[in-house]
Amino acid sequence: QVQLVESGGGLVQPGGSLRLSCAASGRLFSSAAMGWYRQAPGKQRELVATIAGGDSTNYADSVKGRFTISRDNAKNNVYLQMTSLKPEDTAIYYCNVVQMRFGLKYDYWGQGTQVTVSS
């Protein structure tokens, strides 16, 4: 079992920056894929960024060049550095971990952290 706790959300003005952190506890393998998703009011949850065990990254087109995902395997943490924030980035941001064990896929989610971009 893996538990995820996000932090770092808050209110920021357009053009500002925030850094989200996700602390994972439990049995987490360095090969696990980690990522961030978000859900805005009235919309479906969408992928923001993912980072694989080999550190390859993937970003939604809407955040490319503005957001950076990184991980610290020693601490079992994943981060999302967000810059040049826009009002449309307002959402609840969720940390996600996916790992395989004995041929089975395990998918874990955090409780989410609110990010509000507004003047």
Protein backbone atom coordinates (compact mmCIF):
# COMPACT_ATOMS: atom_id res chain seq x y z
CA GLN A 1 0.00 0.00 0.00
CA VAL A 2 1.16 3.53 -0.80
CA GLN A 3 -0.11 6.72 0.80
CA LEU A 4 0.28 10.09 -0.88
CA VAL A 5 0.10 13.51 0.75
CA GLU A 6 0.20 16.67 -1.35
CA SER A 7 1.21 20.12 -0.16
CA GLY A 8 2.11 23.52 -1.56
CA GLY A 9 -1.16 24.65 -3.03
CA GLY A 10 -2.62 28.07 -2.45
CA LEU A 11 -3.71 31.35 -3.95
CA VAL A 12 -1.37 33.04 -6.41
CA GLN A 13 -1.68 35.92 -8.83
CA PRO A 14 -1.51 35.38 -12.58
CA GLY A 15 2.09 35.11 -13.67
CA GLY A 16 3.15 33.80 -10.29
CA SER A 17 4.72 30.52 -9.27
CA LEU A 18 3.99 27.65 -6.92
CA ARG A 19 5.74 24.42 -6.09
CA LEU A 20 3.66 21.40 -5.25
CA SER A 21 5.11 18.50 -3.29
CA CYS A 22 3.85 14.98 -2.87
CA ALA A 23 5.24 12.73 -0.16
CA ALA A 24 4.76 9.04 -0.70
CA SER A 25 4.93 6.52 2.09
CA GLY A 26 4.65 2.79 2.05
CA ARG A 27 6.15 0.32 -0.34
CA LEU A 28 7.17 2.46 -3.29
CA PHE A 29 9.53 1.17 -5.95
CA SER A 30 11.90 3.47 -7.82
CA SER A 31 10.42 2.05 -11.01
CA ALA A 32 7.01 3.50 -10.17
CA ALA A 33 5.59 6.17 -12.42
CA MET A 34 4.62 9.34 -10.55
CA GLY A 35 2.54 12.19 -11.77
CA TRP A 36 0.23 15.11 -11.27
CA TYR A 37 -3.33 15.45 -12.45
CA ARG A 38 -5.81 18.25 -11.95
CA GLN A 39 -9.53 18.75 -11.91
CA ALA A 40 -11.19 22.10 -12.37
CA PRO A 41 -14.81 22.71 -11.31
CA GLY A 42 -17.21 21.11 -13.76
CA LYS A 43 -14.44 19.41 -15.70
CA GLN A 44 -12.93 15.95 -15.81
CA ARG A 45 -9.63 15.14 -14.19
CA GLU A 46 -6.78 15.65 -16.64
CA LEU A 47 -3.14 14.76 -16.82
CA VAL A 48 -0.70 17.55 -16.03
CA ALA A 49 2.66 15.79 -16.00
CA THR A 50 4.19 12.39 -15.35
CA ILE A 51 7.68 11.15 -14.63
CA ALA A 52 8.66 7.54 -15.13
CA GLY A 53 11.06 5.47 -13.08
CA GLY A 54 13.75 6.23 -15.61
CA ASP A 55 13.01 9.96 -15.24
CA SER A 56 11.44 10.42 -18.66
CA THR A 57 8.75 13.07 -18.46
CA ASN A 58 5.48 13.83 -20.19
CA TYR A 59 3.50 17.05 -20.06
CA ALA A 60 0.09 18.24 -21.12
CA ASP A 61 0.39 20.69 -24.00
CA SER A 62 -1.25 23.37 -21.87
CA VAL A 63 1.60 23.38 -19.33
CA LYS A 64 4.64 22.66 -21.49
CA GLY A 65 7.36 25.22 -20.92
CA ARG A 66 5.71 26.46 -17.71
CA PHE A 67 5.60 23.43 -15.41
CA THR A 68 8.41 21.07 -14.44
CA ILE A 69 7.98 17.71 -12.77
CA SER A 70 10.76 16.11 -10.79
CA ARG A 71 11.22 13.31 -8.27
CA ASP A 72 13.49 12.44 -5.39
CA ASN A 73 13.61 8.67 -5.08
CA ALA A 74 15.56 8.80 -1.83
CA LYS A 75 12.70 10.72 -0.20
CA ASN A 76 9.88 9.14 -2.25
CA ASN A 77 8.77 12.61 -3.24
CA VAL A 78 7.52 14.08 -6.48
CA TYR A 79 7.35 17.79 -7.19
CA LEU A 80 5.62 20.09 -9.63
CA GLN A 81 7.20 23.48 -10.17
CA MET A 82 4.62 25.76 -11.73
CA THR A 83 5.54 29.11 -13.25
CA SER A 84 3.72 31.72 -15.33
CA LEU A 85 0.48 30.55 -13.79
CA LYS A 86 -2.77 31.40 -15.51
CA PRO A 87 -6.34 31.56 -14.18
CA GLU A 88 -7.11 28.46 -16.22
CA ASP A 89 -4.59 26.55 -14.09
CA THR A 90 -7.01 26.86 -11.18
CA ALA A 91 -7.91 23.35 -10.06
CA ILE A 92 -7.43 20.72 -7.42
CA TYR A 93 -4.10 19.05 -8.13
CA TYR A 94 -3.73 15.36 -7.36
CA CYS A 95 -0.60 13.29 -6.97
CA ASN A 96 -0.63 9.87 -8.60
CA VAL A 97 1.58 6.81 -8.40
CA VAL A 98 1.34 3.77 -10.63
CA GLN A 99 3.45 0.72 -10.04
CA MET A 100 3.48 -2.88 -11.15
CA ARG A 101 3.87 -5.81 -8.81
CA PHE A 102 3.70 -9.42 -9.88
CA GLY A 103 2.03 -8.42 -13.12
CA LEU A 104 -0.68 -6.38 -11.42
CA LYS A 105 -1.10 -2.63 -11.77
CA TYR A 106 -1.54 -0.58 -8.62
CA ASP A 107 -2.85 2.98 -8.90
CA TYR A 108 -2.70 5.37 -5.94
CA TRP A 109 -4.06 8.90 -5.48
CA GLY A 110 -3.58 11.65 -2.96
CA GLN A 111 -6.38 13.77 -1.52
CA GLY A 112 -5.50 16.77 -3.63
CA THR A 113 -4.34 20.31 -3.03
CA GLN A 114 -6.16 23.41 -4.24
CA VAL A 115 -4.41 25.83 -6.58
CA THR A 116 -6.19 29.10 -7.28
CA VAL A 117 -4.80 31.61 -9.75
CA SER A 118 -6.56 34.92 -9.41
CA SER A 119 -5.87 38.60 -9.04
